[in-house]
Amino acid sequence: MELTAAAARFREARDLLLEHRSDPLTARRRFSWPELDEFNWALEWFDAVGRESDRPALRIVAEDGSETQRSYAEMTAASNRVANFLRAEGVGRGDVLLLMLGNELELWETILAAMKLGATLVPTSTLCTPTDLADRVARGGATHVVAGAASAEKFADIGGFKGIAVGDEVAGWAPYGGAAAAASEFAPDGVTHAGDPLLYYFTSGTTAKPKLVEHTYASYPVGHLSTLYWVGLRPGDAHLNVSSPGWAKHAWSSVFAPWNAEATVVVFNYARFEARRLLEALGRVGVSTFCAPPTVWRMLIQEELAAFPVQVREAVSAGEPLNPEVIEAVARAWGITVRDGFGQTETTAVIGNPPGVALQLGSMGRPLPGYDVVLLDPADGREGDEGEICITAEPRPLGLMVGYRDGEGAPLVPADRFHHTGDVARRDAEGYITYIGRADDVFKASDYRISPFELESVLIEHEAVAEAAVVPAPDPVRLALPKAYVTLAAGHEPSAETARSILAHCRAVLPPYKRVRRLEFAELPKTISGKIRRVELREAERARSARGAAEFYEEDFPDLAH
């Protein structure tokens, strides 16, 4: 494969990780981020693969079994046409393009085309409201919007941009279909610097207003070499990732990590999520590597997993910590281990359990190649075996963001030279890191520090519990009591009998100071990316003046309360 000097350095770093995919200690010792000045991943890497390969780059599978498939070569030509079309519509180097599409072919074409132009993308969920979109257009400085025709009305009261509609014609918007008549050869108008802005991502906003994160033409395309390593991707793999466009995890595992590996991005499109249909698709399509968030894994294990003939070699989970019960259930059914990992919108994969390494149940793993991680005490900043997960930012790992735009959040390199994640963890003698919780979510009860995640993992071991979120309930004696909000699995009723059974399970497993003392049946509030918003539940508890209609106290059951 003929490569530019920058792309050759990129490939050399990638090949080292492939060579040591089952030897993380050697990979960490030998790996270094490639030094890049000028680099355009779409032109210098993706197109180079496309010139050499008819291997499938993208497979979009519909619920009815029909497929849309494009090879690397076909995606190269198509994205060239779209780049030429967008240039004619006024998109130039440094312009900001808001992209709001579902899992459809035009999404991937536009990502590649915008990169070829040297533009900046603002990936946006189709679930965003007009208020959300006004904020994204304004804070992102978008000059152009590419969106589905059905979504165009959400932009009706937002000005200052040129719209391009995918699908039906929209008055005042240019039709995306015009790209079909554009030339299939593309010539860039200049060089792309590795530090040029590529992505403005809005965080999911689990605790506050979403922050605007800036990534470069190197930090995500090249930074996701760490994600490739964590997932265990190989050339020729078929990788299915359950994530919606508009969120960083979609770029992680449905764009950059698999295409870095010369693998196939597989997408399963559905109108409404059904675990059974996804499991059927995994087997039918021959998916070899699979990534899903904990919410999806918890739904999958409600099915009889062993009944589905999947061919998955590597399975991973990210977005929130994965409960040990899920890992054990998948291992029993499929004989493979779902491996946890950790990263943020602000980073690529930072911590993880790579393939072929002994797993410590409940642990996220150890720092991945290219990252150094320390745990700092939030009170005094001292390094220890428990504290906030912080990434050493000197030297700066390539997968770390440039910073937050519009003054949102902390600067990239604060006085103590670390990127603070806001997540708390502990590290054992072998270097394995176990997640405790968001710094804002951990609380004290009877002067003991409580990790919501630890209690939630116990709760979902109960057959009636599909999902759970633990928050502090104010108490005059203990300061706070652990309270669980519970979403029930199918076939279970929100009754006193169910509540007693769940509380009894917690009593049998947890020490007294950690026991869940209150329980309420409810649907859990989530961000539009699917993460639980415990902040809403905490606020509800602080504002509560009476017991909820579906709430039960431990003392309601005298045999449990002593």
Protein backbone atom coordinates (compact mmCIF):
# COMPACT_ATOMS: atom_id res chain seq x y z
CA MET A 1 0.00 0.00 0.00
CA GLU A 2 1.48 3.35 -1.05
CA LEU A 3 1.35 5.79 1.88
CA THR A 4 2.48 9.30 2.66
CA ALA A 5 5.23 9.62 5.26
CA ALA A 6 2.68 10.63 7.94
CA ALA A 7 0.36 7.73 7.10
CA ALA A 8 3.32 5.33 7.19
CA ARG A 9 4.12 6.46 10.75
CA PHE A 10 0.46 5.94 11.64
CA ARG A 11 0.47 2.44 10.17
CA GLU A 12 3.72 1.54 11.94
CA ALA A 13 2.14 2.45 15.30
CA ARG A 14 -0.99 0.47 14.41
CA ASP A 15 0.95 -2.60 13.32
CA LEU A 16 2.89 -2.63 16.58
CA LEU A 17 -0.39 -2.85 18.48
CA LEU A 18 -1.65 -5.63 16.21
CA GLU A 19 1.59 -7.53 16.73
CA HIS A 20 1.31 -7.33 20.53
CA ARG A 21 -2.47 -7.60 20.81
CA SER A 22 -2.22 -10.27 23.54
CA ASP A 23 0.77 -8.78 25.33
CA PRO A 24 -0.31 -5.45 26.82
CA LEU A 25 2.84 -4.99 28.90
CA THR A 26 5.03 -5.12 25.80
CA ALA A 27 2.55 -3.02 23.84
CA ARG A 28 2.59 -0.31 26.52
CA ARG A 29 6.37 -0.35 26.75
CA ARG A 30 7.02 -0.18 23.01
CA PHE A 31 4.09 1.94 21.79
CA SER A 32 4.43 5.66 21.22
CA TRP A 33 2.01 7.98 19.47
CA PRO A 34 3.15 8.77 15.91
CA GLU A 35 4.60 12.25 15.50
CA LEU A 36 2.39 14.09 13.04
CA ASP A 37 2.46 17.63 11.71
CA GLU A 38 0.40 17.51 8.53
CA PHE A 39 -2.09 14.63 8.34
CA ASN A 40 -5.51 14.08 6.82
CA TRP A 41 -6.72 10.62 7.84
CA ALA A 42 -9.47 10.46 5.20
CA LEU A 43 -7.14 11.31 2.31
CA GLU A 44 -3.93 9.67 3.47
CA TRP A 45 -5.25 6.54 5.23
CA PHE A 46 -8.82 5.70 4.26
CA ASP A 47 -8.33 6.50 0.57
CA ALA A 48 -5.03 4.60 0.54
CA VAL A 49 -6.88 1.52 1.80
CA GLY A 50 -9.62 2.19 -0.75
CA ARG A 51 -7.13 2.20 -3.63
CA GLU A 52 -5.97 -1.26 -2.63
CA SER A 53 -9.07 -3.00 -1.27
CA ASP A 54 -12.53 -4.09 -2.32
CA ARG A 55 -13.07 -5.33 1.25
CA PRO A 56 -16.40 -4.17 2.74
CA ALA A 57 -16.00 -0.94 4.70
CA LEU A 58 -19.65 -0.57 5.73
CA ARG A 59 -22.66 -2.88 6.08
CA ILE A 60 -25.98 -1.41 7.17
CA VAL A 61 -28.42 -4.19 8.06
CA ALA A 62 -32.15 -3.48 8.28
CA GLU A 63 -34.66 -5.26 10.50
CA ASP A 64 -36.12 -7.09 7.50
CA GLY A 65 -32.69 -8.53 6.67
CA SER A 66 -31.98 -6.28 3.69
CA GLU A 67 -28.53 -4.70 3.51
CA THR A 68 -26.67 -1.71 2.16
CA GLN A 69 -23.00 -2.56 1.65
CA ARG A 70 -20.09 -0.45 0.39
CA SER A 71 -16.44 -1.38 -0.09
CA TYR A 72 -13.51 0.83 0.89
CA ALA A 73 -13.07 1.70 -2.79
CA GLU A 74 -16.74 2.59 -3.20
CA MET A 75 -16.70 4.75 -0.06
CA THR A 76 -13.59 6.55 -1.36
CA ALA A 77 -15.33 7.46 -4.62
CA ALA A 78 -18.64 8.36 -2.96
CA SER A 79 -17.01 10.61 -0.36
CA ASN A 80 -15.05 12.33 -3.13
CA ARG A 81 -18.33 13.17 -4.86
CA VAL A 82 -19.85 14.45 -1.63
CA ALA A 83 -16.73 16.52 -0.88
CA ASN A 84 -16.93 18.14 -4.33
CA PHE A 85 -20.65 18.77 -3.85
CA LEU A 86 -20.18 20.31 -0.39
CA ARG A 87 -17.38 22.51 -1.73
CA ALA A 88 -19.82 23.81 -4.38
CA GLU A 89 -22.30 24.52 -1.56
CA GLY A 90 -19.72 26.70 0.17
CA VAL A 91 -18.12 24.32 2.68
CA GLY A 92 -14.45 25.17 2.92
CA ARG A 93 -11.42 24.56 5.10
CA GLY A 94 -12.16 25.54 8.69
CA ASP A 95 -15.93 25.82 8.18
CA VAL A 96 -18.16 24.13 10.77
CA LEU A 97 -20.74 21.61 9.58
CA LEU A 98 -23.42 20.30 11.93
CA LEU A 99 -24.25 16.70 10.98
CA MET A 100 -27.56 15.23 12.14
CA LEU A 101 -28.33 11.89 10.51
CA GLY A 102 -29.22 8.41 11.68
CA ASN A 103 -27.30 5.27 10.81
CA GLU A 104 -27.59 5.80 7.07
CA LEU A 105 -25.04 5.70 4.28
CA GLU A 106 -24.94 9.49 3.91
CA LEU A 107 -23.63 9.84 7.47
CA TRP A 108 -20.34 8.05 6.72
CA GLU A 109 -20.03 9.69 3.30
CA THR A 110 -20.33 13.13 4.89
CA ILE A 111 -17.84 12.39 7.68
CA LEU A 112 -15.19 11.39 5.13
CA ALA A 113 -16.08 14.25 2.78
CA ALA A 114 -15.88 16.91 5.49
CA MET A 115 -12.47 15.59 6.52
CA LYS A 116 -11.23 15.78 2.94
CA LEU A 117 -12.31 19.43 2.84
CA GLY A 118 -10.56 20.25 6.12
CA ALA A 119 -13.88 21.22 7.74
CA THR A 120 -15.00 20.78 11.34
CA LEU A 121 -17.92 18.47 12.21
CA VAL A 122 -20.50 18.87 14.98
CA PRO A 123 -22.05 15.36 15.20
CA THR A 124 -25.58 15.70 16.60
CA SER A 125 -28.24 13.22 17.70
CA THR A 126 -31.51 13.11 15.77
CA LEU A 127 -33.25 13.18 19.17
CA CYS A 128 -32.10 16.75 19.86
CA THR A 129 -34.86 19.31 20.32
CA PRO A 130 -35.00 22.70 18.55
CA THR A 131 -33.65 24.26 21.76
CA ASP A 132 -30.72 21.81 21.78
CA LEU A 133 -30.03 22.53 18.12
CA ALA A 134 -30.10 26.31 18.56
CA ASP A 135 -27.46 25.92 21.28
CA ARG A 136 -25.32 23.63 19.12
CA VAL A 137 -25.49 25.87 16.06
CA ALA A 138 -24.64 28.94 18.14
CA ARG A 139 -21.90 27.49 20.37
CA GLY A 140 -20.45 25.38 17.58
CA GLY A 141 -20.48 28.26 15.09
CA ALA A 142 -22.05 26.08 12.39
CA THR A 143 -22.13 27.56 8.89
CA HIS A 144 -23.76 24.49 7.30
CA VAL A 145 -26.16 21.76 8.42
CA VAL A 146 -26.57 18.32 6.85
CA ALA A 147 -29.73 16.68 8.18
CA GLY A 148 -32.53 14.35 7.15
CA ALA A 149 -35.46 16.05 5.48
CA ALA A 150 -37.78 14.95 8.29
CA SER A 151 -35.62 16.85 10.81
CA ALA A 152 -35.43 20.10 8.86
CA GLU A 153 -38.44 21.61 10.64
CA LYS A 154 -36.49 21.53 13.92
CA PHE A 155 -34.24 24.21 12.43
CA ALA A 156 -37.11 26.45 11.29
CA ASP A 157 -36.44 29.17 13.88
CA ILE A 158 -32.64 28.91 13.72
CA GLY A 159 -30.77 31.09 11.25
CA GLY A 160 -27.25 31.74 10.14
CA PHE A 161 -26.50 28.50 8.30
CA LYS A 162 -27.00 26.84 4.92
CA GLY A 163 -29.05 23.64 5.04
CA ILE A 164 -28.48 20.48 3.02
CA ALA A 165 -31.30 17.92 3.18
CA VAL A 166 -30.93 14.17 2.83
CA GLY A 167 -34.03 12.54 1.36
CA ASP A 168 -37.06 14.57 0.28
CA GLU A 169 -36.73 18.14 -0.95
CA VAL A 170 -36.96 20.89 1.67
CA ALA A 171 -37.74 24.47 0.71
CA GLY A 172 -34.66 26.62 1.14
CA TRP A 173 -32.33 23.64 1.61
CA ALA A 174 -29.99 22.19 -1.01
CA PRO A 175 -30.73 18.54 -1.91
CA TYR A 176 -27.98 16.11 -0.86
CA GLY A 177 -28.86 14.05 -3.93
CA GLY A 178 -26.95 16.58 -6.01
CA ALA A 179 -23.75 14.88 -4.89
CA ALA A 180 -24.46 11.99 -7.28
CA ALA A 181 -23.59 14.21 -10.25
CA ALA A 182 -20.32 15.49 -8.78
CA ALA A 183 -16.89 14.27 -9.88
CA SER A 184 -15.53 11.10 -8.26
CA GLU A 185 -11.98 12.50 -8.12
CA PHE A 186 -11.14 15.02 -5.40
CA ALA A 187 -8.21 17.41 -5.06
CA PRO A 188 -7.62 19.09 -1.67
CA ASP A 189 -7.10 22.87 -1.67
CA GLY A 190 -4.21 22.72 0.79
CA VAL A 191 -2.64 20.81 3.65
CA THR A 192 -4.42 19.67 6.79
CA HIS A 193 -2.50 20.14 10.00
CA ALA A 194 -2.83 17.41 12.62
CA GLY A 195 -3.82 20.06 15.17
CA ASP A 196 -6.64 21.53 13.08
CA PRO A 197 -10.11 21.14 14.66
CA LEU A 198 -12.03 18.14 13.33
CA LEU A 199 -14.79 17.49 15.86
CA TYR A 200 -16.82 19.58 18.26
CA TYR A 201 -18.62 17.07 20.50
CA PHE A 202 -21.24 17.97 23.06
CA THR A 203 -21.01 15.78 26.16
CA SER A 204 -24.07 13.82 27.31
CA GLY A 205 -24.76 16.13 30.26
CA THR A 206 -25.27 13.57 33.03
CA THR A 207 -24.67 16.16 35.76
CA ALA A 208 -24.81 19.60 34.13
CA LYS A 209 -25.18 21.51 30.86
CA PRO A 210 -23.35 19.67 28.05
CA LYS A 211 -19.78 20.84 27.49
CA LEU A 212 -18.37 21.43 24.02
CA VAL A 213 -15.27 19.28 23.49
CA GLU A 214 -12.75 19.98 20.73
CA HIS A 215 -10.85 17.18 18.99
CA THR A 216 -8.35 17.48 16.18
CA TYR A 217 -7.48 15.75 12.93
CA ALA A 218 -5.15 13.58 15.00
CA SER A 219 -6.78 13.15 18.42
CA TYR A 220 -9.72 11.02 17.28
CA PRO A 221 -8.63 9.43 13.98
CA VAL A 222 -5.19 8.48 15.33
CA GLY A 223 -6.03 8.52 19.04
CA HIS A 224 -8.42 5.63 18.50
CA LEU A 225 -5.49 3.29 18.03
CA SER A 226 -5.95 2.74 21.78
CA THR A 227 -9.59 1.80 21.13
CA LEU A 228 -8.56 -0.60 18.36
CA TYR A 229 -6.24 -2.29 20.85
CA TRP A 230 -8.85 -2.50 23.62
CA VAL A 231 -11.54 -3.98 21.36
CA GLY A 232 -9.06 -6.43 19.81
CA LEU A 233 -9.86 -5.47 16.22
CA ARG A 234 -8.04 -7.16 13.36
CA PRO A 235 -8.05 -6.56 9.59
CA GLY A 236 -11.12 -8.19 8.06
CA ASP A 237 -13.21 -8.19 11.25
CA ALA A 238 -16.92 -7.40 11.11
CA HIS A 239 -17.48 -5.00 14.01
CA LEU A 240 -20.94 -4.12 15.28
CA ASN A 241 -21.24 -1.27 17.75
CA VAL A 242 -24.54 -0.32 19.40
CA SER A 243 -24.40 3.46 19.55
CA SER A 244 -26.41 6.29 18.09
CA PRO A 245 -24.84 8.87 15.76
CA GLY A 246 -24.16 12.19 17.42
CA TRP A 247 -22.33 10.76 20.40
CA ALA A 248 -18.60 10.23 20.76
CA LYS A 249 -18.90 6.44 21.16
CA HIS A 250 -20.27 6.26 17.63
CA ALA A 251 -17.06 7.81 16.31
CA TRP A 252 -15.05 5.50 18.58
CA SER A 253 -16.41 2.19 17.34
CA SER A 254 -18.49 2.89 14.24
CA VAL A 255 -15.92 4.99 12.40
CA PHE A 256 -12.30 5.31 13.48
CA ALA A 257 -11.31 2.18 15.45
CA PRO A 258 -12.63 -0.37 12.90
CA TRP A 259 -11.44 1.59 9.87
CA ASN A 260 -8.02 2.00 11.50
CA ALA A 261 -7.96 -1.80 11.59
CA GLU A 262 -9.17 -2.18 7.97
CA ALA A 263 -12.25 -3.91 9.36
CA THR A 264 -15.92 -3.63 8.37
CA VAL A 265 -18.28 -1.32 10.26
CA VAL A 266 -21.55 -3.20 10.76
CA VAL A 267 -24.71 -1.35 11.75
CA PHE A 268 -28.02 -2.89 12.74
CA ASN A 269 -30.82 -0.42 12.07
CA TYR A 270 -34.02 -0.73 14.05
CA ALA A 271 -37.06 1.41 14.70
CA ARG A 272 -37.43 0.13 18.25
CA PHE A 273 -34.76 -1.82 20.10
CA GLU A 274 -35.51 -5.50 20.67
CA ALA A 275 -32.83 -7.68 22.21
CA ARG A 276 -33.94 -10.76 20.29
CA ARG A 277 -33.64 -9.05 16.90
CA LEU A 278 -30.14 -7.80 17.69
CA LEU A 279 -29.05 -11.26 18.79
CA GLU A 280 -30.43 -12.76 15.58
CA ALA A 281 -28.55 -10.16 13.53
CA LEU A 282 -25.26 -10.88 15.29
CA GLY A 283 -25.40 -14.47 14.11
CA ARG A 284 -26.89 -13.84 10.68
CA VAL A 285 -24.30 -11.24 9.70
CA GLY A 286 -21.33 -13.07 11.16
CA VAL A 287 -20.23 -10.32 13.53
CA SER A 288 -16.79 -11.09 14.96
CA THR A 289 -16.35 -8.15 17.36
CA PHE A 290 -19.19 -6.52 19.28
CA CYS A 291 -19.53 -3.47 21.51
CA ALA A 292 -22.62 -2.39 23.44
CA PRO A 293 -23.32 -0.18 26.46
CA PRO A 294 -24.30 -1.77 29.79
CA THR A 295 -27.97 -0.88 29.26
CA VAL A 296 -28.05 -3.05 26.11
CA TRP A 297 -26.07 -5.88 27.73
CA ARG A 298 -28.54 -5.92 30.64
CA MET A 299 -31.38 -6.30 28.14
CA LEU A 300 -29.58 -9.00 26.17
CA ILE A 301 -29.10 -11.26 29.18
CA GLN A 302 -32.85 -11.27 29.70
CA GLU A 303 -32.96 -13.51 26.61
CA GLU A 304 -31.75 -17.11 26.36
CA LEU A 305 -28.33 -16.20 24.99
CA ALA A 306 -27.22 -19.77 24.34
CA ALA A 307 -30.06 -20.18 21.84
CA PHE A 308 -28.47 -17.71 19.42
CA PRO A 309 -25.60 -19.04 17.25
CA VAL A 310 -23.33 -16.01 17.45
CA GLN A 311 -19.76 -16.06 16.15
CA VAL A 312 -18.48 -13.18 18.26
CA ARG A 313 -14.78 -13.46 19.13
CA GLU A 314 -14.43 -10.23 21.14
CA ALA A 315 -17.12 -8.49 23.20
CA VAL A 316 -16.69 -5.20 25.02
CA SER A 317 -18.75 -2.64 26.89
CA ALA A 318 -18.29 1.06 27.52
CA GLY A 319 -20.22 4.20 28.40
CA GLU A 320 -20.87 3.22 32.01
CA PRO A 321 -19.37 0.48 34.21
CA LEU A 322 -20.48 -3.06 33.40
CA ASN A 323 -21.98 -5.06 36.23
CA PRO A 324 -20.24 -8.39 37.03
CA GLU A 325 -23.55 -10.26 36.77
CA VAL A 326 -23.68 -9.42 33.05
CA ILE A 327 -20.13 -10.66 32.45
CA GLU A 328 -20.90 -13.96 34.17
CA ALA A 329 -24.15 -14.49 32.25
CA VAL A 330 -22.48 -13.99 28.84
CA ALA A 331 -19.55 -16.22 29.77
CA ARG A 332 -21.94 -19.05 30.71
CA ALA A 333 -23.87 -18.76 27.45
CA TRP A 334 -21.21 -17.92 24.84
CA GLY A 335 -17.93 -18.91 26.47
CA ILE A 336 -16.44 -15.44 25.94
CA THR A 337 -15.70 -12.60 28.34
CA VAL A 338 -17.30 -9.19 27.97
CA ARG A 339 -14.41 -6.85 28.64
CA ASP A 340 -14.96 -3.49 30.26
CA GLY A 341 -13.21 -0.28 29.32
CA PHE A 342 -13.12 3.38 30.24
CA GLY A 343 -12.91 6.60 28.29
CA GLN A 344 -14.79 9.84 27.79
CA THR A 345 -15.95 12.15 25.05
CA GLU A 346 -12.77 14.04 25.95
CA THR A 347 -10.56 11.01 25.22
CA THR A 348 -10.25 7.78 23.33
CA ALA A 349 -10.14 4.46 25.25
CA VAL A 350 -7.94 5.11 28.30
CA ILE A 351 -8.32 2.04 30.52
CA GLY A 352 -9.38 -1.41 29.44
CA ASN A 353 -9.12 -5.17 29.55
CA PRO A 354 -7.55 -6.14 26.20
CA PRO A 355 -8.06 -9.61 24.69
CA GLY A 356 -6.21 -12.57 26.11
CA VAL A 357 -5.50 -11.01 29.50
CA ALA A 358 -6.72 -12.45 32.80
CA LEU A 359 -9.81 -10.53 33.86
CA GLN A 360 -10.40 -9.38 37.41
CA LEU A 361 -14.18 -9.41 37.71
CA GLY A 362 -15.49 -5.92 38.26
CA SER A 363 -12.28 -4.21 37.13
CA MET A 364 -12.05 -1.91 34.12
CA GLY A 365 -8.51 -3.17 33.53
CA ARG A 366 -5.27 -1.25 33.30
CA PRO A 367 -4.12 1.82 31.34
CA LEU A 368 -4.02 1.19 27.60
CA PRO A 369 -1.02 1.89 25.36
CA GLY A 370 -0.39 5.61 25.04
CA TYR A 371 -1.93 6.63 28.36
CA ASP A 372 -0.55 7.12 31.88
CA VAL A 373 -3.17 7.19 34.62
CA VAL A 374 -2.90 8.26 38.25
CA LEU A 375 -5.49 8.29 41.06
CA LEU A 376 -5.45 11.60 42.92
CA ASP A 377 -7.12 12.35 46.24
CA PRO A 378 -9.74 15.04 45.50
CA ALA A 379 -8.98 16.74 48.81
CA ASP A 380 -5.20 17.17 48.69
CA GLY A 381 -4.21 16.06 45.16
CA ARG A 382 -1.90 13.33 46.42
CA GLU A 383 -1.47 10.17 44.37
CA GLY A 384 -2.69 6.94 45.95
CA ASP A 385 -4.53 3.69 45.36
CA GLU A 386 -7.94 5.36 45.46
CA GLY A 387 -9.03 8.68 44.06
CA GLU A 388 -10.07 10.56 40.96
CA ILE A 389 -8.98 9.05 37.65
CA CYS A 390 -6.55 11.56 36.15
CA ILE A 391 -4.60 11.36 32.91
CA THR A 392 -1.04 12.60 32.78
CA ALA A 393 -1.12 15.47 30.29
CA GLU A 394 2.63 16.14 30.07
CA PRO A 395 3.50 14.72 27.63
CA ARG A 396 0.03 15.00 26.16
CA PRO A 397 -1.45 11.72 24.91
CA LEU A 398 -2.63 12.09 21.34
CA GLY A 399 -6.15 10.87 22.14
CA LEU A 400 -6.82 13.66 24.64
CA MET A 401 -8.99 16.60 23.59
CA VAL A 402 -7.57 20.05 22.90
CA GLY A 403 -9.95 21.47 25.50
CA TYR A 404 -13.45 22.79 26.10
CA ARG A 405 -14.68 25.59 23.87
CA ASP A 406 -16.46 28.74 25.01
CA GLY A 407 -14.71 28.55 28.36
CA GLU A 408 -16.72 25.49 29.36
CA GLY A 409 -15.03 23.40 32.06
CA ALA A 410 -11.41 23.31 33.19
CA PRO A 411 -8.43 24.10 30.94
CA LEU A 412 -6.71 21.11 29.34
CA VAL A 413 -3.56 21.25 31.46
CA PRO A 414 -4.35 22.72 34.89
CA ALA A 415 -1.68 23.65 37.41
CA ASP A 416 -1.15 20.04 38.48
CA ARG A 417 -0.55 18.84 34.88
CA PHE A 418 -3.39 16.32 34.76
CA HIS A 419 -6.66 15.94 32.92
CA HIS A 420 -9.28 15.33 35.61
CA THR A 421 -12.03 12.94 34.55
CA GLY A 422 -14.39 13.45 37.50
CA ASP A 423 -14.56 9.66 38.01
CA VAL A 424 -13.37 7.89 41.16
CA ALA A 425 -11.67 4.48 41.21
CA ARG A 426 -9.29 2.28 43.18
CA ARG A 427 -6.21 0.40 42.01
CA ASP A 428 -5.01 -2.98 43.33
CA ALA A 429 -1.46 -4.27 43.74
CA GLU A 430 -1.40 -5.60 40.15
CA GLY A 431 -2.46 -2.27 38.69
CA TYR A 432 -6.07 -3.20 37.91
CA ILE A 433 -8.43 -0.25 38.26
CA THR A 434 -11.98 -0.69 39.59
CA TYR A 435 -14.59 1.98 39.07
CA ILE A 436 -16.30 3.46 42.13
CA GLY A 437 -18.46 6.17 40.60
CA ARG A 438 -18.71 9.73 39.42
CA ALA A 439 -17.23 12.03 42.03
CA ASP A 440 -20.64 13.71 42.24
CA ASP A 441 -22.44 10.36 42.73
CA VAL A 442 -20.38 8.92 45.61
CA PHE A 443 -21.92 9.79 49.00
CA LYS A 444 -21.54 9.12 52.71
CA ALA A 445 -23.95 7.19 54.93
CA SER A 446 -23.17 6.73 58.65
CA ASP A 447 -19.74 8.20 57.80
CA TYR A 448 -18.99 5.39 55.33
CA ARG A 449 -18.37 6.24 51.68
CA ILE A 450 -20.87 4.53 49.38
CA SER A 451 -20.29 3.68 45.72
CA PRO A 452 -23.64 3.62 43.88
CA PHE A 453 -22.19 1.34 41.21
CA GLU A 454 -21.25 -1.32 43.76
CA LEU A 455 -24.78 -1.42 45.16
CA GLU A 456 -26.35 -1.31 41.70
CA SER A 457 -24.30 -4.35 40.70
CA VAL A 458 -25.77 -6.25 43.65
CA LEU A 459 -29.29 -5.13 42.82
CA ILE A 460 -29.25 -6.37 39.23
CA GLU A 461 -28.22 -9.82 40.41
CA HIS A 462 -31.87 -10.14 41.49
CA GLU A 463 -34.03 -11.67 38.77
CA ALA A 464 -36.68 -8.94 39.09
CA VAL A 465 -34.28 -6.05 38.50
CA ALA A 466 -33.52 -4.91 34.96
CA GLU A 467 -31.80 -1.65 35.92
CA ALA A 468 -31.13 0.26 39.12
CA ALA A 469 -29.75 3.60 40.27
CA VAL A 470 -28.69 4.25 43.87
CA VAL A 471 -28.71 7.75 45.40
CA PRO A 472 -28.63 9.13 48.96
CA ALA A 473 -31.95 9.66 50.74
CA PRO A 474 -31.64 12.24 53.54
CA ASP A 475 -31.72 10.76 57.06
CA PRO A 476 -31.49 12.74 60.34
CA VAL A 477 -29.36 10.10 62.08
CA ARG A 478 -27.14 8.58 59.38
CA LEU A 479 -26.94 11.75 57.25
CA ALA A 480 -28.08 9.66 54.29
CA LEU A 481 -29.46 6.22 53.49
CA PRO A 482 -28.81 4.29 50.25
CA LYS A 483 -31.98 4.34 48.20
CA ALA A 484 -32.50 2.37 45.00
CA TYR A 485 -34.65 3.38 42.07
CA VAL A 486 -35.48 0.16 40.25
CA THR A 487 -36.78 -0.64 36.78
CA LEU A 488 -38.27 -4.12 36.77
CA ALA A 489 -37.56 -6.92 34.34
CA ALA A 490 -40.43 -8.25 32.25
CA GLY A 491 -42.89 -10.41 34.17
CA HIS A 492 -42.40 -8.75 37.58
CA GLU A 493 -44.84 -6.46 39.35
CA PRO A 494 -44.00 -3.36 41.46
CA SER A 495 -45.50 -4.91 44.57
CA ALA A 496 -44.58 -5.07 48.26
CA GLU A 497 -43.66 -8.72 47.75
CA THR A 498 -41.18 -7.81 44.98
CA ALA A 499 -39.72 -4.99 47.07
CA ARG A 500 -39.26 -7.29 50.06
CA SER A 501 -37.51 -9.89 47.91
CA ILE A 502 -35.08 -7.33 46.48
CA LEU A 503 -34.32 -5.80 49.89
CA ALA A 504 -33.81 -9.27 51.34
CA HIS A 505 -31.31 -10.05 48.60
CA CYS A 506 -29.37 -6.87 49.42
CA ARG A 507 -29.45 -7.71 53.12
CA ALA A 508 -27.97 -11.14 52.42
CA VAL A 509 -25.13 -9.82 50.27
CA LEU A 510 -24.19 -6.39 51.61
CA PRO A 511 -22.73 -5.39 54.99
CA PRO A 512 -25.13 -3.38 57.18
CA TYR A 513 -23.57 0.03 56.45
CA LYS A 514 -24.01 -0.47 52.68
CA ARG A 515 -27.49 -1.99 52.70
CA VAL A 516 -30.16 -0.49 50.50
CA ARG A 517 -32.71 0.81 53.01
CA ARG A 518 -35.28 2.26 50.65
CA LEU A 519 -36.53 1.23 47.25
CA GLU A 520 -38.77 2.86 44.67
CA PHE A 521 -40.02 1.36 41.42
CA ALA A 522 -39.60 3.82 38.56
CA GLU A 523 -38.30 4.39 35.06
CA LEU A 524 -34.81 5.82 35.32
CA PRO A 525 -34.17 9.30 33.92
CA LYS A 526 -31.54 9.22 31.18
CA THR A 527 -29.73 11.48 28.81
CA ILE A 528 -30.64 11.09 25.15
CA SER A 529 -27.44 9.05 24.81
CA GLY A 530 -28.83 6.54 27.35
CA LYS A 531 -26.78 7.36 30.45
CA ILE A 532 -28.56 7.45 33.80
CA ARG A 533 -29.00 10.95 35.23
CA ARG A 534 -28.54 10.26 38.94
CA VAL A 535 -28.42 14.01 39.48
CA GLU A 536 -32.18 14.17 38.81
CA LEU A 537 -32.84 11.42 41.34
CA ARG A 538 -30.64 13.12 43.96
CA GLU A 539 -32.48 16.39 43.46
CA ALA A 540 -35.83 14.59 43.74
CA GLU A 541 -34.74 13.07 47.06
CA ARG A 542 -33.65 16.43 48.46
CA ALA A 543 -36.96 17.99 47.45
CA ARG A 544 -39.15 15.10 48.63
CA SER A 545 -41.61 15.83 51.44
CA ALA A 546 -43.55 12.55 51.41
CA ARG A 547 -43.07 8.91 50.52
CA GLY A 548 -43.57 8.00 46.87
CA ALA A 549 -46.55 5.88 45.81
CA ALA A 550 -44.29 3.04 44.69
CA GLU A 551 -41.70 3.47 47.45
CA PHE A 552 -40.90 0.93 50.18
CA TYR A 553 -38.82 1.25 53.35
CA GLU A 554 -36.81 -1.53 54.93
CA GLU A 555 -38.81 -1.02 58.13
CA ASP A 556 -41.99 -1.93 56.23
CA PHE A 557 -40.72 -5.49 56.58
CA PRO A 558 -39.93 -6.09 60.30
CA ASP A 559 -37.98 -9.28 59.62
CA LEU A 560 -35.51 -7.28 57.49
CA ALA A 561 -35.15 -4.14 59.56
CA HIS A 562 -33.28 -5.55 62.56
